[in-house]
Amino acid sequence: MGLALDIASWACLVGGSVVALIGAIGIVRLPDVYSRMHGAGMIDTLGAALILLGLMLQSEHWLVTVKLILIGVFLFFTSPTTTFALARAALNAGVKPLLSGEGIRRHGGNQRHGDGGGGPSSS
């Protein structure tokens, strides 16, 4: 039973780390602020959940498991709320989403300020 638990735990830890790494690369590489928020949301939800699950499987005391569950519940509620608030703030600030590949080709794929191709700096 101990070996199977260790294998499952390490599978969750490695899987969560891979998802977090892919999400971090997405934050850097994606073209606009709305796409980047998707990468950040992926890190918070799936990556953190897998890592927390792996840590729960490794913990020997029930109190540690309860604390990890509370952290997971906190992330489960705050991550979507934060992503929604960021998207609403960007939309209210006038940042438009990049809707086609035309904006990527026009800007060379290097939109560093979150301007979605239709903001004030792209006149």
N, C-alpha and C. Protein backbone atom coordinates (compact mmCIF):
# COMPACT_ATOMS: atom_id res chain seq x y z
N MET A 1 0.83 -1.21 0.00
CA MET A 1 0.00 0.00 0.00
C MET A 1 0.87 1.26 0.00
N GLY A 2 1.99 1.23 0.71
CA GLY A 2 2.85 2.40 0.81
C GLY A 2 3.48 2.78 -0.52
N LEU A 3 3.89 1.79 -1.31
CA LEU A 3 4.51 2.07 -2.60
C LEU A 3 3.50 2.66 -3.59
N ALA A 4 2.29 2.11 -3.60
CA ALA A 4 1.25 2.63 -4.49
C ALA A 4 0.89 4.07 -4.12
N LEU A 5 0.85 4.37 -2.84
CA LEU A 5 0.54 5.72 -2.38
C LEU A 5 1.65 6.69 -2.77
N ASP A 6 2.90 6.25 -2.66
CA ASP A 6 4.02 7.09 -3.06
C ASP A 6 4.01 7.35 -4.57
N ILE A 7 3.70 6.34 -5.35
CA ILE A 7 3.64 6.50 -6.80
C ILE A 7 2.52 7.47 -7.18
N ALA A 8 1.36 7.32 -6.57
CA ALA A 8 0.24 8.22 -6.86
C ALA A 8 0.57 9.65 -6.43
N SER A 9 1.23 9.78 -5.28
CA SER A 9 1.60 11.10 -4.80
C SER A 9 2.58 11.78 -5.74
N TRP A 10 3.61 11.06 -6.15
CA TRP A 10 4.60 11.64 -7.05
C TRP A 10 4.01 11.92 -8.43
N ALA A 11 3.08 11.10 -8.87
CA ALA A 11 2.41 11.37 -10.14
C ALA A 11 1.63 12.68 -10.08
N CYS A 12 0.94 12.91 -8.96
CA CYS A 12 0.21 14.17 -8.79
C CYS A 12 1.16 15.36 -8.70
N LEU A 13 2.25 15.20 -7.96
CA LEU A 13 3.21 16.30 -7.81
C LEU A 13 3.87 16.65 -9.14
N VAL A 14 4.29 15.63 -9.90
CA VAL A 14 4.92 15.89 -11.19
C VAL A 14 3.90 16.45 -12.19
N GLY A 15 2.70 15.88 -12.20
CA GLY A 15 1.66 16.38 -13.10
C GLY A 15 1.29 17.83 -12.80
N GLY A 16 1.15 18.15 -11.52
CA GLY A 16 0.85 19.53 -11.14
C GLY A 16 1.97 20.49 -11.49
N SER A 17 3.21 20.03 -11.34
CA SER A 17 4.35 20.87 -11.70
C SER A 17 4.40 21.12 -13.21
N VAL A 18 4.10 20.10 -13.99
CA VAL A 18 4.09 20.26 -15.45
C VAL A 18 2.99 21.24 -15.88
N VAL A 19 1.81 21.10 -15.29
CA VAL A 19 0.72 22.02 -15.61
C VAL A 19 1.08 23.45 -15.21
N ALA A 20 1.70 23.62 -14.05
CA ALA A 20 2.12 24.95 -13.60
C ALA A 20 3.18 25.53 -14.53
N LEU A 21 4.10 24.70 -14.99
CA LEU A 21 5.13 25.17 -15.91
C LEU A 21 4.52 25.59 -17.25
N ILE A 22 3.60 24.79 -17.77
CA ILE A 22 2.93 25.15 -19.02
C ILE A 22 2.15 26.45 -18.86
N GLY A 23 1.47 26.61 -17.73
CA GLY A 23 0.73 27.85 -17.48
C GLY A 23 1.65 29.05 -17.37
N ALA A 24 2.82 28.87 -16.74
CA ALA A 24 3.78 29.98 -16.61
C ALA A 24 4.33 30.38 -17.98
N ILE A 25 4.60 29.40 -18.82
CA ILE A 25 5.04 29.70 -20.19
C ILE A 25 3.93 30.43 -20.94
N GLY A 26 2.68 30.02 -20.70
CA GLY A 26 1.55 30.69 -21.34
C GLY A 26 1.43 32.15 -20.94
N ILE A 27 1.72 32.47 -19.69
CA ILE A 27 1.66 33.86 -19.24
C ILE A 27 2.65 34.71 -20.02
N VAL A 28 3.81 34.17 -20.29
CA VAL A 28 4.84 34.92 -21.00
C VAL A 28 4.59 34.97 -22.50
N ARG A 29 4.11 33.87 -23.09
CA ARG A 29 4.06 33.75 -24.54
C ARG A 29 2.74 34.17 -25.18
N LEU A 30 1.65 34.16 -24.46
CA LEU A 30 0.36 34.46 -25.07
C LEU A 30 0.26 35.94 -25.42
N PRO A 31 -0.51 36.30 -26.47
CA PRO A 31 -0.43 37.64 -27.04
C PRO A 31 -1.14 38.75 -26.29
N ASP A 32 -2.23 38.48 -25.59
CA ASP A 32 -2.93 39.60 -24.95
C ASP A 32 -3.29 39.25 -23.51
N VAL A 33 -3.78 40.25 -22.81
CA VAL A 33 -4.04 40.11 -21.38
C VAL A 33 -5.12 39.06 -21.09
N TYR A 34 -6.09 38.92 -21.94
CA TYR A 34 -7.16 37.96 -21.71
C TYR A 34 -6.66 36.52 -21.88
N SER A 35 -5.82 36.30 -22.87
CA SER A 35 -5.23 34.97 -23.04
C SER A 35 -4.29 34.65 -21.89
N ARG A 36 -3.55 35.63 -21.43
CA ARG A 36 -2.63 35.41 -20.31
C ARG A 36 -3.37 35.07 -19.03
N MET A 37 -4.54 35.62 -18.85
CA MET A 37 -5.34 35.28 -17.67
C MET A 37 -5.75 33.82 -17.69
N HIS A 38 -5.95 33.27 -18.88
CA HIS A 38 -6.27 31.85 -18.98
C HIS A 38 -5.10 31.01 -18.47
N GLY A 39 -3.89 31.39 -18.85
CA GLY A 39 -2.71 30.68 -18.35
C GLY A 39 -2.58 30.78 -16.84
N ALA A 40 -2.84 31.94 -16.30
CA ALA A 40 -2.77 32.11 -14.84
C ALA A 40 -3.86 31.31 -14.14
N GLY A 41 -5.03 31.25 -14.72
CA GLY A 41 -6.11 30.46 -14.13
C GLY A 41 -5.80 28.97 -14.15
N MET A 42 -5.12 28.53 -15.19
CA MET A 42 -4.75 27.12 -15.27
C MET A 42 -3.76 26.76 -14.17
N ILE A 43 -2.82 27.66 -13.89
CA ILE A 43 -1.86 27.42 -12.82
C ILE A 43 -2.58 27.30 -11.49
N ASP A 44 -3.47 28.22 -11.21
CA ASP A 44 -4.13 28.25 -9.90
C ASP A 44 -5.05 27.06 -9.68
N THR A 45 -5.76 26.65 -10.70
CA THR A 45 -6.77 25.62 -10.48
C THR A 45 -6.20 24.22 -10.60
N LEU A 46 -5.84 23.82 -11.79
CA LEU A 46 -5.41 22.42 -11.99
C LEU A 46 -4.03 22.15 -11.41
N GLY A 47 -3.07 23.03 -11.68
CA GLY A 47 -1.71 22.80 -11.19
C GLY A 47 -1.64 22.77 -9.68
N ALA A 48 -2.22 23.78 -9.04
CA ALA A 48 -2.19 23.83 -7.58
C ALA A 48 -3.00 22.69 -6.97
N ALA A 49 -4.11 22.33 -7.59
CA ALA A 49 -4.92 21.23 -7.05
C ALA A 49 -4.16 19.91 -7.10
N LEU A 50 -3.47 19.64 -8.20
CA LEU A 50 -2.69 18.41 -8.28
C LEU A 50 -1.53 18.40 -7.28
N ILE A 51 -0.87 19.53 -7.13
CA ILE A 51 0.22 19.60 -6.16
C ILE A 51 -0.31 19.41 -4.74
N LEU A 52 -1.42 20.05 -4.42
CA LEU A 52 -1.99 19.87 -3.08
C LEU A 52 -2.44 18.43 -2.85
N LEU A 53 -3.00 17.80 -3.87
CA LEU A 53 -3.40 16.40 -3.73
C LEU A 53 -2.18 15.51 -3.48
N GLY A 54 -1.11 15.76 -4.21
CA GLY A 54 0.11 15.00 -3.99
C GLY A 54 0.66 15.19 -2.59
N LEU A 55 0.59 16.41 -2.09
CA LEU A 55 1.05 16.67 -0.71
C LEU A 55 0.15 16.02 0.31
N MET A 56 -1.15 15.98 0.04
CA MET A 56 -2.08 15.31 0.96
C MET A 56 -1.78 13.82 1.04
N LEU A 57 -1.44 13.23 -0.10
CA LEU A 57 -1.11 11.81 -0.09
C LEU A 57 0.19 11.53 0.65
N GLN A 58 1.08 12.50 0.71
CA GLN A 58 2.35 12.33 1.41
C GLN A 58 2.25 12.62 2.91
N SER A 59 1.25 13.38 3.31
CA SER A 59 1.18 13.78 4.72
C SER A 59 0.83 12.60 5.61
N GLU A 60 1.45 12.59 6.77
CA GLU A 60 1.22 11.50 7.72
C GLU A 60 0.20 11.86 8.79
N HIS A 61 -0.01 13.15 9.01
CA HIS A 61 -0.94 13.59 10.06
C HIS A 61 -2.21 14.15 9.43
N TRP A 62 -3.34 13.87 10.04
CA TRP A 62 -4.61 14.33 9.50
C TRP A 62 -4.74 15.84 9.56
N LEU A 63 -4.07 16.49 10.51
CA LEU A 63 -4.16 17.94 10.62
C LEU A 63 -3.51 18.63 9.41
N VAL A 64 -2.41 18.06 8.93
CA VAL A 64 -1.77 18.60 7.73
C VAL A 64 -2.71 18.46 6.53
N THR A 65 -3.38 17.33 6.42
CA THR A 65 -4.32 17.11 5.32
C THR A 65 -5.48 18.10 5.38
N VAL A 66 -5.98 18.37 6.58
CA VAL A 66 -7.07 19.34 6.73
C VAL A 66 -6.61 20.73 6.31
N LYS A 67 -5.41 21.10 6.68
CA LYS A 67 -4.88 22.41 6.29
C LYS A 67 -4.71 22.52 4.78
N LEU A 68 -4.23 21.44 4.15
CA LEU A 68 -4.09 21.45 2.70
C LEU A 68 -5.45 21.52 2.00
N ILE A 69 -6.45 20.85 2.56
CA ILE A 69 -7.80 20.95 2.01
C ILE A 69 -8.32 22.38 2.12
N LEU A 70 -8.08 23.04 3.24
CA LEU A 70 -8.51 24.44 3.40
C LEU A 70 -7.80 25.36 2.40
N ILE A 71 -6.52 25.11 2.15
CA ILE A 71 -5.81 25.89 1.14
C ILE A 71 -6.44 25.67 -0.23
N GLY A 72 -6.76 24.41 -0.54
CA GLY A 72 -7.40 24.10 -1.82
C GLY A 72 -8.75 24.78 -1.98
N VAL A 73 -9.55 24.77 -0.92
CA VAL A 73 -10.86 25.45 -0.97
C VAL A 73 -10.67 26.95 -1.18
N PHE A 74 -9.70 27.52 -0.48
CA PHE A 74 -9.42 28.95 -0.64
C PHE A 74 -9.03 29.27 -2.08
N LEU A 75 -8.14 28.47 -2.67
CA LEU A 75 -7.74 28.69 -4.07
C LEU A 75 -8.91 28.47 -5.03
N PHE A 76 -9.75 27.49 -4.73
CA PHE A 76 -10.88 27.18 -5.60
C PHE A 76 -11.84 28.37 -5.70
N PHE A 77 -12.01 29.12 -4.62
CA PHE A 77 -12.92 30.26 -4.65
C PHE A 77 -12.25 31.56 -5.08
N THR A 78 -10.99 31.76 -4.72
CA THR A 78 -10.36 33.05 -5.02
C THR A 78 -9.81 33.15 -6.44
N SER A 79 -9.38 32.04 -7.03
CA SER A 79 -8.80 32.11 -8.37
C SER A 79 -9.80 32.57 -9.43
N PRO A 80 -10.99 31.99 -9.52
CA PRO A 80 -11.94 32.50 -10.53
C PRO A 80 -12.39 33.93 -10.24
N THR A 81 -12.51 34.27 -8.97
CA THR A 81 -12.92 35.63 -8.62
C THR A 81 -11.86 36.64 -9.04
N THR A 82 -10.60 36.32 -8.81
CA THR A 82 -9.51 37.20 -9.20
C THR A 82 -9.43 37.34 -10.72
N THR A 83 -9.56 36.23 -11.43
CA THR A 83 -9.52 36.27 -12.89
C THR A 83 -10.66 37.12 -13.44
N PHE A 84 -11.85 36.97 -12.87
CA PHE A 84 -12.99 37.78 -13.31
C PHE A 84 -12.75 39.26 -13.04
N ALA A 85 -12.22 39.59 -11.87
CA ALA A 85 -11.96 40.99 -11.53
C ALA A 85 -10.91 41.59 -12.46
N LEU A 86 -9.86 40.83 -12.79
CA LEU A 86 -8.85 41.33 -13.72
C LEU A 86 -9.42 41.54 -15.12
N ALA A 87 -10.23 40.60 -15.58
CA ALA A 87 -10.83 40.74 -16.90
C ALA A 87 -11.77 41.95 -16.95
N ARG A 88 -12.55 42.14 -15.90
CA ARG A 88 -13.47 43.29 -15.85
C ARG A 88 -12.69 44.61 -15.81
N ALA A 89 -11.59 44.65 -15.05
CA ALA A 89 -10.78 45.86 -14.97
C ALA A 89 -10.12 46.16 -16.32
N ALA A 90 -9.63 45.14 -16.99
CA ALA A 90 -9.02 45.35 -18.31
C ALA A 90 -10.06 45.84 -19.31
N LEU A 91 -11.24 45.26 -19.27
CA LEU A 91 -12.31 45.67 -20.18
C LEU A 91 -12.74 47.11 -19.90
N ASN A 92 -12.86 47.47 -18.63
CA ASN A 92 -13.23 48.84 -18.27
C ASN A 92 -12.14 49.84 -18.62
N ALA A 93 -10.88 49.39 -18.66
CA ALA A 93 -9.77 50.28 -19.01
C ALA A 93 -9.65 50.46 -20.52
N GLY A 94 -10.46 49.73 -21.29
CA GLY A 94 -10.46 49.89 -22.73
C GLY A 94 -9.55 48.92 -23.47
N VAL A 95 -9.02 47.91 -22.79
CA VAL A 95 -8.18 46.92 -23.46
C VAL A 95 -9.10 45.95 -24.19
N LYS A 96 -8.92 45.88 -25.51
CA LYS A 96 -9.77 45.02 -26.31
C LYS A 96 -9.08 43.69 -26.55
N PRO A 97 -9.86 42.60 -26.58
CA PRO A 97 -9.24 41.30 -26.84
C PRO A 97 -8.75 41.18 -28.27
N LEU A 98 -7.69 40.42 -28.44
CA LEU A 98 -7.16 40.14 -29.75
C LEU A 98 -7.99 39.00 -30.33
N LEU A 99 -8.73 39.26 -31.39
CA LEU A 99 -9.69 38.29 -31.89
C LEU A 99 -9.22 37.50 -33.09
N SER A 100 -8.13 37.91 -33.74
CA SER A 100 -7.68 37.19 -34.92
C SER A 100 -6.17 37.18 -34.98
N GLY A 101 -5.65 36.37 -35.87
CA GLY A 101 -4.21 36.31 -36.07
C GLY A 101 -3.65 37.56 -36.72
N GLU A 102 -4.51 38.40 -37.29
CA GLU A 102 -4.07 39.63 -37.95
C GLU A 102 -3.35 40.55 -36.98
N GLY A 103 -3.87 40.69 -35.78
CA GLY A 103 -3.23 41.55 -34.79
C GLY A 103 -1.89 41.02 -34.34
N ILE A 104 -1.75 39.71 -34.30
CA ILE A 104 -0.47 39.11 -33.92
C ILE A 104 0.57 39.40 -35.00
N ARG A 105 0.19 39.22 -36.27
CA ARG A 105 1.13 39.49 -37.35
C ARG A 105 1.48 40.97 -37.42
N ARG A 106 0.50 41.83 -37.18
CA ARG A 106 0.73 43.27 -37.28
C ARG A 106 1.69 43.75 -36.21
N HIS A 107 1.58 43.19 -34.99
CA HIS A 107 2.42 43.63 -33.87
C HIS A 107 3.63 42.74 -33.67
N GLY A 108 3.81 41.76 -34.51
CA GLY A 108 4.97 40.89 -34.39
C GLY A 108 4.89 39.93 -33.21
N GLY A 109 3.71 39.78 -32.60
CA GLY A 109 3.54 38.86 -31.48
C GLY A 109 4.12 39.38 -30.18
N ASN A 110 4.55 40.63 -30.12
CA ASN A 110 5.19 41.17 -28.91
C ASN A 110 4.33 42.24 -28.26
N GLN A 111 3.20 41.87 -27.76
CA GLN A 111 2.35 42.81 -27.05
C GLN A 111 2.65 42.69 -25.58
N ARG A 112 3.48 43.53 -25.05
CA ARG A 112 3.94 43.42 -23.67
C ARG A 112 3.07 44.18 -22.68
N HIS A 113 2.28 45.10 -23.13
CA HIS A 113 1.51 45.93 -22.21
C HIS A 113 0.06 45.51 -22.10
N GLY A 114 -0.31 44.38 -22.66
CA GLY A 114 -1.67 43.90 -22.55
C GLY A 114 -2.61 44.55 -23.53
N ASP A 115 -2.09 45.34 -24.48
CA ASP A 115 -2.95 45.97 -25.47
C ASP A 115 -3.41 44.91 -26.45
N GLY A 116 -4.69 44.72 -26.57
CA GLY A 116 -5.24 43.67 -27.40
C GLY A 116 -5.31 44.01 -28.87
N GLY A 117 -4.55 44.94 -29.36
CA GLY A 117 -4.55 45.25 -30.77
C GLY A 117 -5.51 46.38 -31.11
N GLY A 118 -6.36 46.80 -30.18
CA GLY A 118 -7.32 47.86 -30.50
C GLY A 118 -7.33 48.94 -29.47
N GLY A 119 -6.36 48.97 -28.62
CA GLY A 119 -6.32 49.97 -27.55
C GLY A 119 -5.82 51.31 -28.04
N PRO A 120 -5.61 52.24 -27.14
CA PRO A 120 -5.23 53.60 -27.52
C PRO A 120 -3.87 53.68 -28.21
N SER A 121 -2.97 52.74 -27.97
CA SER A 121 -1.64 52.85 -28.55
C SER A 121 -1.54 52.24 -29.94
N SER A 122 -2.61 51.71 -30.49
CA SER A 122 -2.52 51.06 -31.80
C SER A 122 -3.24 51.86 -32.89
N SER A 123 -3.14 53.16 -32.89
CA SER A 123 -3.80 53.98 -33.89
C SER A 123 -2.95 54.16 -35.10
